[in-house]
């Protein structure tokens, strides 16, 4: 129980730290914004603590299949940290901040090409947007998108080279996929494959679709706050991390489906062998 309590507390603390990072490092944060951030960080930390302290799963997926959730967290935290340092680097005035600013600029330039998601984000801005704001949005989108791609690469290495989840122990579908109902109808294997395809395709398309939707709903979406670094950090984090998270989930479900299919194949082969021996 002590180990579970300590682990749950540390995870809650890390989640709260990730949410509070922009408010802690950005040079100009209003009092009202800081209060809202503290409230959100406490709520997220409390939810994380209850989720990991409980012995039974409730919402969080792959809780007992490390290190998927750790990879998700560090991907999100890396996006938030890089964006925060990029927008507050001049105020921090440290060698590490300067280095991160240069790396962030390289990331933004690397993925800013015609028809890229970053270019679509810039095109989604309303006409008449100040050049400084356009540059901020472009850089933030580039940084967030590159960091999300690095998270996907990390998960690919985890699956293909390190053999997740088999190498990390037995995989229990019930405790690792609490929202997936095996008795919901239809073959479990077919449903897992279908869900994996839906998640992967949606994750790939969202970075392209979201800017287009914002552009189409121009009159309904207020873009005036996009010039605020704090708002921009979280908008770009959500825009980049949610699709990456969907792709990670899709690949993970496909991997689980492959394991179930392989286990079925072995079971059927063993059953046929036993039937053959009995016939002899």
Protein backbone atom coordinates (compact mmCIF):
# COMPACT_ATOMS: atom_id res chain seq x y z
CA UNK A 1 0.00 0.00 0.00
CA UNK A 2 2.87 2.39 0.79
CA UNK A 3 4.37 1.82 -2.65
CA UNK A 4 1.01 2.42 -4.34
CA UNK A 5 0.42 5.56 -2.28
CA UNK A 6 3.87 6.96 -3.08
CA UNK A 7 3.54 6.19 -6.78
CA UNK A 8 0.11 7.77 -6.99
CA UNK A 9 1.33 10.91 -5.18
CA UNK A 10 4.37 11.31 -7.44
CA UNK A 11 2.26 10.90 -10.57
CA UNK A 12 -0.23 13.46 -9.30
CA UNK A 13 2.61 15.86 -8.55
CA UNK A 14 4.05 15.44 -12.05
CA UNK A 15 0.69 16.10 -13.69
CA UNK A 16 0.17 19.23 -11.59
CA UNK A 17 3.71 20.39 -12.44
CA UNK A 18 3.10 19.99 -16.18
CA UNK A 19 -0.07 22.07 -15.99
CA UNK A 20 1.57 24.77 -13.86
CA UNK A 21 4.80 25.02 -15.89
CA UNK A 22 3.69 27.86 -18.22
CA UNK A 23 2.45 29.93 -15.30
CA UNK A 24 5.69 29.35 -13.39
CA UNK A 25 8.07 30.28 -16.22
CA UNK A 26 6.27 32.85 -18.37
CA UNK A 27 7.25 36.39 -17.36
CA UNK A 28 3.77 37.92 -17.43
CA UNK A 29 0.89 35.89 -16.05
CA UNK A 30 -2.20 37.55 -14.61
CA UNK A 31 -3.45 36.79 -11.12
CA UNK A 32 -6.75 35.42 -12.44
CA UNK A 33 -4.95 33.11 -14.86
CA UNK A 34 -2.68 31.84 -12.09
CA UNK A 35 -5.67 31.04 -9.88
CA UNK A 36 -7.41 29.12 -12.65
CA UNK A 37 -4.21 27.20 -13.42
CA UNK A 38 -3.77 26.24 -9.75
CA UNK A 39 -7.36 25.01 -9.61
CA UNK A 40 -6.99 22.95 -12.79
CA UNK A 41 -3.64 21.53 -11.63
CA UNK A 42 -5.12 20.48 -8.29
CA UNK A 43 -8.11 18.86 -9.96
CA UNK A 44 -5.95 16.97 -12.45
CA UNK A 45 -3.56 15.90 -9.70
CA UNK A 46 -6.42 14.68 -7.52
CA UNK A 47 -7.88 12.65 -10.39
CA UNK A 48 -4.48 11.11 -11.16
CA UNK A 49 -3.92 10.26 -7.51
CA UNK A 50 -7.29 8.52 -7.18
CA UNK A 51 -6.81 6.66 -10.46
CA UNK A 52 -3.41 5.24 -9.51
CA UNK A 53 -4.16 4.68 -5.84
CA UNK A 54 -7.22 2.57 -6.64
CA UNK A 55 -6.63 -1.14 -7.07
CA UNK A 56 -9.23 -1.39 -9.82
CA UNK A 57 -9.21 0.44 -13.17
CA UNK A 58 -11.79 3.11 -13.95
CA UNK A 59 -10.89 5.34 -16.92
CA UNK A 60 -7.15 5.44 -17.51
CA UNK A 61 -5.99 2.97 -20.16
CA UNK A 62 -2.75 0.92 -20.16
CA UNK A 63 -2.24 1.61 -16.48
CA UNK A 64 -0.62 -1.80 -15.94
CA UNK A 65 1.25 -1.85 -19.26
CA UNK A 66 4.21 0.48 -18.73
CA UNK A 67 5.74 2.60 -20.08
CA UNK A 68 2.93 3.77 -22.41
CA UNK A 69 1.44 6.32 -20.01
CA UNK A 70 4.90 7.56 -19.08
CA UNK A 71 5.65 8.12 -22.74
CA UNK A 72 2.36 9.98 -23.15
CA UNK A 73 3.12 12.18 -20.17
CA UNK A 74 6.67 13.03 -21.18
CA UNK A 75 5.53 13.80 -24.73
CA UNK A 76 2.94 16.25 -23.44
CA UNK A 77 5.33 17.72 -20.88
CA UNK A 78 8.06 18.12 -23.51
CA UNK A 79 5.66 20.07 -25.73
CA UNK A 80 4.61 22.33 -22.87
CA UNK A 81 8.17 22.86 -21.65
CA UNK A 82 9.63 23.60 -25.08
CA UNK A 83 6.87 26.09 -25.89
CA UNK A 84 7.16 27.74 -22.48
CA UNK A 85 10.94 28.10 -22.70
CA UNK A 86 10.65 29.39 -26.26
CA UNK A 87 8.28 32.17 -25.23
CA UNK A 88 10.06 33.00 -21.97
CA UNK A 89 13.67 32.31 -22.96
CA UNK A 90 14.62 35.97 -23.16
CA UNK A 91 13.36 36.53 -19.61
CA UNK A 92 15.08 33.42 -18.23
CA UNK A 93 18.49 34.46 -19.60
CA UNK A 94 20.17 31.09 -19.08
CA UNK A 95 22.39 29.05 -21.46
CA UNK A 96 19.90 26.16 -21.40
CA UNK A 97 17.05 28.48 -22.31
CA UNK A 98 19.08 29.92 -25.18
CA UNK A 99 19.90 26.43 -26.45
CA UNK A 100 16.26 25.36 -26.26
CA UNK A 101 15.20 28.49 -28.11
CA UNK A 102 17.60 27.67 -30.95
CA UNK A 103 16.39 24.06 -31.08
CA UNK A 104 12.79 25.26 -31.11
CA UNK A 105 13.49 27.59 -34.01
CA UNK A 106 15.07 24.71 -35.96
CA UNK A 107 12.01 22.54 -35.29
CA UNK A 108 9.64 25.23 -36.49
CA UNK A 109 11.60 25.73 -39.72
CA UNK A 110 11.90 21.98 -40.36
CA UNK A 111 8.15 21.34 -40.60
CA UNK A 112 7.01 24.61 -42.15
CA UNK A 113 6.54 23.66 -45.79
CA UNK A 114 3.57 23.85 -48.20
CA UNK A 115 0.53 21.74 -47.19
CA UNK A 116 2.10 20.78 -43.86
CA UNK A 117 -0.09 20.95 -40.73
CA UNK A 118 1.99 23.89 -39.50
CA UNK A 119 1.33 25.84 -42.68
CA UNK A 120 -2.39 25.06 -42.38
CA UNK A 121 -2.40 26.42 -38.82
CA UNK A 122 -0.91 29.67 -40.06
CA UNK A 123 -3.44 29.86 -42.90
CA UNK A 124 -6.28 29.35 -40.41
CA UNK A 125 -5.48 32.67 -38.75
CA UNK A 126 -7.91 35.46 -39.65
CA UNK A 127 -6.86 38.00 -42.23
CA UNK A 128 -5.32 41.09 -40.69
CA UNK A 129 -3.49 39.18 -37.96
CA UNK A 130 -0.34 41.01 -36.92
CA UNK A 131 2.92 39.58 -38.34
CA UNK A 132 4.31 39.09 -34.83
CA UNK A 133 1.33 36.92 -33.89
CA UNK A 134 1.62 34.93 -37.13
CA UNK A 135 5.28 34.25 -36.36
CA UNK A 136 4.42 33.19 -32.81
CA UNK A 137 1.74 30.77 -34.01
CA UNK A 138 4.01 29.34 -36.71
CA UNK A 139 6.86 28.70 -34.30
CA UNK A 140 4.57 27.24 -31.64
CA UNK A 141 2.88 24.91 -34.13
CA UNK A 142 6.22 23.72 -35.48
CA UNK A 143 7.64 23.02 -32.04
CA UNK A 144 4.53 21.18 -30.84
CA UNK A 145 4.26 19.10 -34.01
CA UNK A 146 7.91 18.01 -33.96
CA UNK A 147 7.73 17.02 -30.29
CA UNK A 148 4.59 14.97 -30.94
CA UNK A 149 6.34 13.22 -33.83
CA UNK A 150 9.27 12.39 -31.54
CA UNK A 151 6.79 10.87 -29.08
CA UNK A 152 5.36 8.70 -31.87
CA UNK A 153 8.86 7.59 -32.86
CA UNK A 154 9.56 6.67 -29.25
CA UNK A 155 6.43 4.52 -29.09
CA UNK A 156 7.32 2.88 -32.39
CA UNK A 157 10.72 1.91 -30.97
CA UNK A 158 8.99 0.61 -27.85
CA UNK A 159 6.73 -1.66 -29.92
CA UNK A 160 9.03 -2.82 -32.70
CA UNK A 161 12.37 -3.14 -30.89
CA UNK A 162 11.45 -3.73 -27.25
CA UNK A 163 8.39 -5.85 -28.00
CA UNK A 164 5.79 -3.99 -25.98
CA UNK A 165 3.70 -5.26 -24.23
CA UNK A 166 4.87 -8.90 -24.22
CA UNK A 167 8.36 -8.12 -23.01
CA UNK A 168 6.96 -6.25 -20.00
CA UNK A 169 4.81 -9.11 -18.71
CA UNK A 170 1.37 -10.56 -19.35
CA UNK A 171 -1.18 -8.14 -20.81
CA UNK A 172 -4.59 -8.13 -19.14
CA UNK A 173 -7.25 -6.61 -21.41
CA UNK A 174 -9.72 -5.90 -18.61
CA UNK A 175 -7.44 -3.81 -16.38
CA UNK A 176 -5.58 -2.10 -19.23
CA UNK A 177 -8.66 -1.27 -21.32
CA UNK A 178 -11.33 -0.50 -18.70
CA UNK A 179 -13.53 1.34 -21.21
CA UNK A 180 -13.47 -1.56 -23.67
CA UNK A 181 -16.34 -4.00 -23.07
CA UNK A 182 -15.41 -7.49 -24.33
CA UNK A 183 -19.07 -8.52 -24.10
CA UNK A 184 -20.34 -5.54 -26.09
CA UNK A 185 -21.19 -7.69 -29.11
CA UNK A 186 -19.20 -9.04 -32.01
CA UNK A 187 -15.79 -10.60 -32.08
CA UNK A 188 -13.32 -8.94 -29.70
CA UNK A 189 -10.52 -9.25 -32.23
CA UNK A 190 -12.49 -7.55 -35.01
CA UNK A 191 -13.55 -4.74 -32.66
CA UNK A 192 -9.98 -4.12 -31.52
CA UNK A 193 -8.75 -3.95 -35.12
CA UNK A 194 -11.58 -1.62 -36.07
CA UNK A 195 -10.92 0.69 -33.12
CA UNK A 196 -7.19 0.73 -33.86
CA UNK A 197 -7.77 1.78 -37.46
CA UNK A 198 -10.26 4.48 -36.45
CA UNK A 199 -7.89 5.92 -33.84
CA UNK A 200 -4.85 5.87 -36.13
CA UNK A 201 -6.66 7.45 -39.08
CA UNK A 202 -8.31 10.09 -36.91
CA UNK A 203 -4.99 10.90 -35.25
CA UNK A 204 -3.31 11.33 -38.62
CA UNK A 205 -6.06 13.57 -40.02
CA UNK A 206 -6.77 15.79 -37.01
CA UNK A 207 -3.74 18.11 -37.41
CA UNK A 208 -5.00 18.85 -40.93
CA UNK A 209 -8.72 18.96 -40.12
CA UNK A 210 -8.66 21.17 -37.02
CA UNK A 211 -7.17 24.26 -38.77
CA UNK A 212 -9.64 23.78 -41.62
CA UNK A 213 -12.56 23.61 -39.16
CA UNK A 214 -11.34 26.73 -37.37
CA UNK A 215 -11.11 28.52 -40.71
CA UNK A 216 -14.63 27.47 -41.70
CA UNK A 217 -16.04 28.52 -38.33
CA UNK A 218 -14.17 31.82 -38.44
CA UNK A 219 -17.10 33.93 -37.26
CA UNK A 220 -17.86 31.57 -34.36
CA UNK A 221 -14.31 31.17 -33.03
CA UNK A 222 -12.71 34.08 -31.22
CA UNK A 223 -9.03 34.14 -32.22
CA UNK A 224 -8.17 37.34 -30.38
CA UNK A 225 -6.58 35.48 -27.45
CA UNK A 226 -4.22 33.49 -29.66
CA UNK A 227 -1.57 36.19 -29.27
CA UNK A 228 -1.34 35.44 -25.54
CA UNK A 229 1.62 33.07 -25.03
CA UNK A 230 -0.13 31.18 -22.22
CA UNK A 231 -3.21 30.54 -24.35
CA UNK A 232 -1.12 29.72 -27.40
CA UNK A 233 0.92 27.14 -25.49
CA UNK A 234 -2.14 25.14 -24.48
CA UNK A 235 -3.89 25.49 -27.84
CA UNK A 236 -0.84 24.16 -29.67
CA UNK A 237 -0.28 21.44 -27.06
CA UNK A 238 -3.82 20.15 -27.52
CA UNK A 239 -3.58 20.45 -31.31
CA UNK A 240 -0.40 18.36 -31.43
CA UNK A 241 -0.76 15.97 -28.48
CA UNK A 242 -4.34 14.75 -28.96
CA UNK A 243 -3.69 13.39 -32.48
CA UNK A 244 -0.41 11.81 -31.34
CA UNK A 245 -2.22 10.21 -28.41
CA UNK A 246 -4.86 8.79 -30.76
CA UNK A 247 -2.18 7.29 -32.99
CA UNK A 248 -0.44 5.77 -29.96
CA UNK A 249 -3.74 4.27 -28.84
CA UNK A 250 -4.44 2.94 -32.32
CA UNK A 251 -1.04 1.26 -32.58
CA UNK A 252 -1.39 -0.14 -29.06
CA UNK A 253 -4.82 -1.62 -29.83
CA UNK A 254 -3.45 -3.15 -33.05
CA UNK A 255 -0.61 -4.68 -31.05
CA UNK A 256 -3.06 -6.14 -28.52
CA UNK A 257 -5.16 -7.53 -31.38
CA UNK A 258 -2.06 -9.19 -32.84
CA UNK A 259 -1.31 -10.83 -29.48
CA UNK A 260 -4.87 -12.14 -29.15
CA UNK A 261 -4.82 -13.42 -32.74
CA UNK A 262 -1.51 -15.21 -32.18
CA UNK A 263 -2.81 -16.79 -28.97
CA UNK A 264 -5.94 -18.00 -30.77
CA UNK A 265 -3.84 -19.47 -33.56
CA UNK A 266 -1.76 -21.43 -31.05
CA UNK A 267 -4.86 -22.64 -29.23
CA UNK A 268 -6.47 -23.85 -32.45
CA UNK A 269 -3.23 -25.55 -33.52
CA UNK A 270 -2.92 -27.33 -30.17
CA UNK A 271 -6.59 -28.39 -30.34
CA UNK A 272 -6.11 -29.85 -33.83
CA UNK A 273 -2.99 -31.69 -32.67
CA UNK A 274 -4.85 -33.21 -29.72
CA UNK A 275 -7.75 -34.24 -31.97
CA UNK A 276 -5.28 -35.91 -34.35
CA UNK A 277 -3.64 -37.85 -31.53
CA UNK A 278 -7.00 -38.98 -30.20
CA UNK A 279 -8.02 -40.15 -33.67
CA UNK A 280 -4.85 -42.24 -33.92
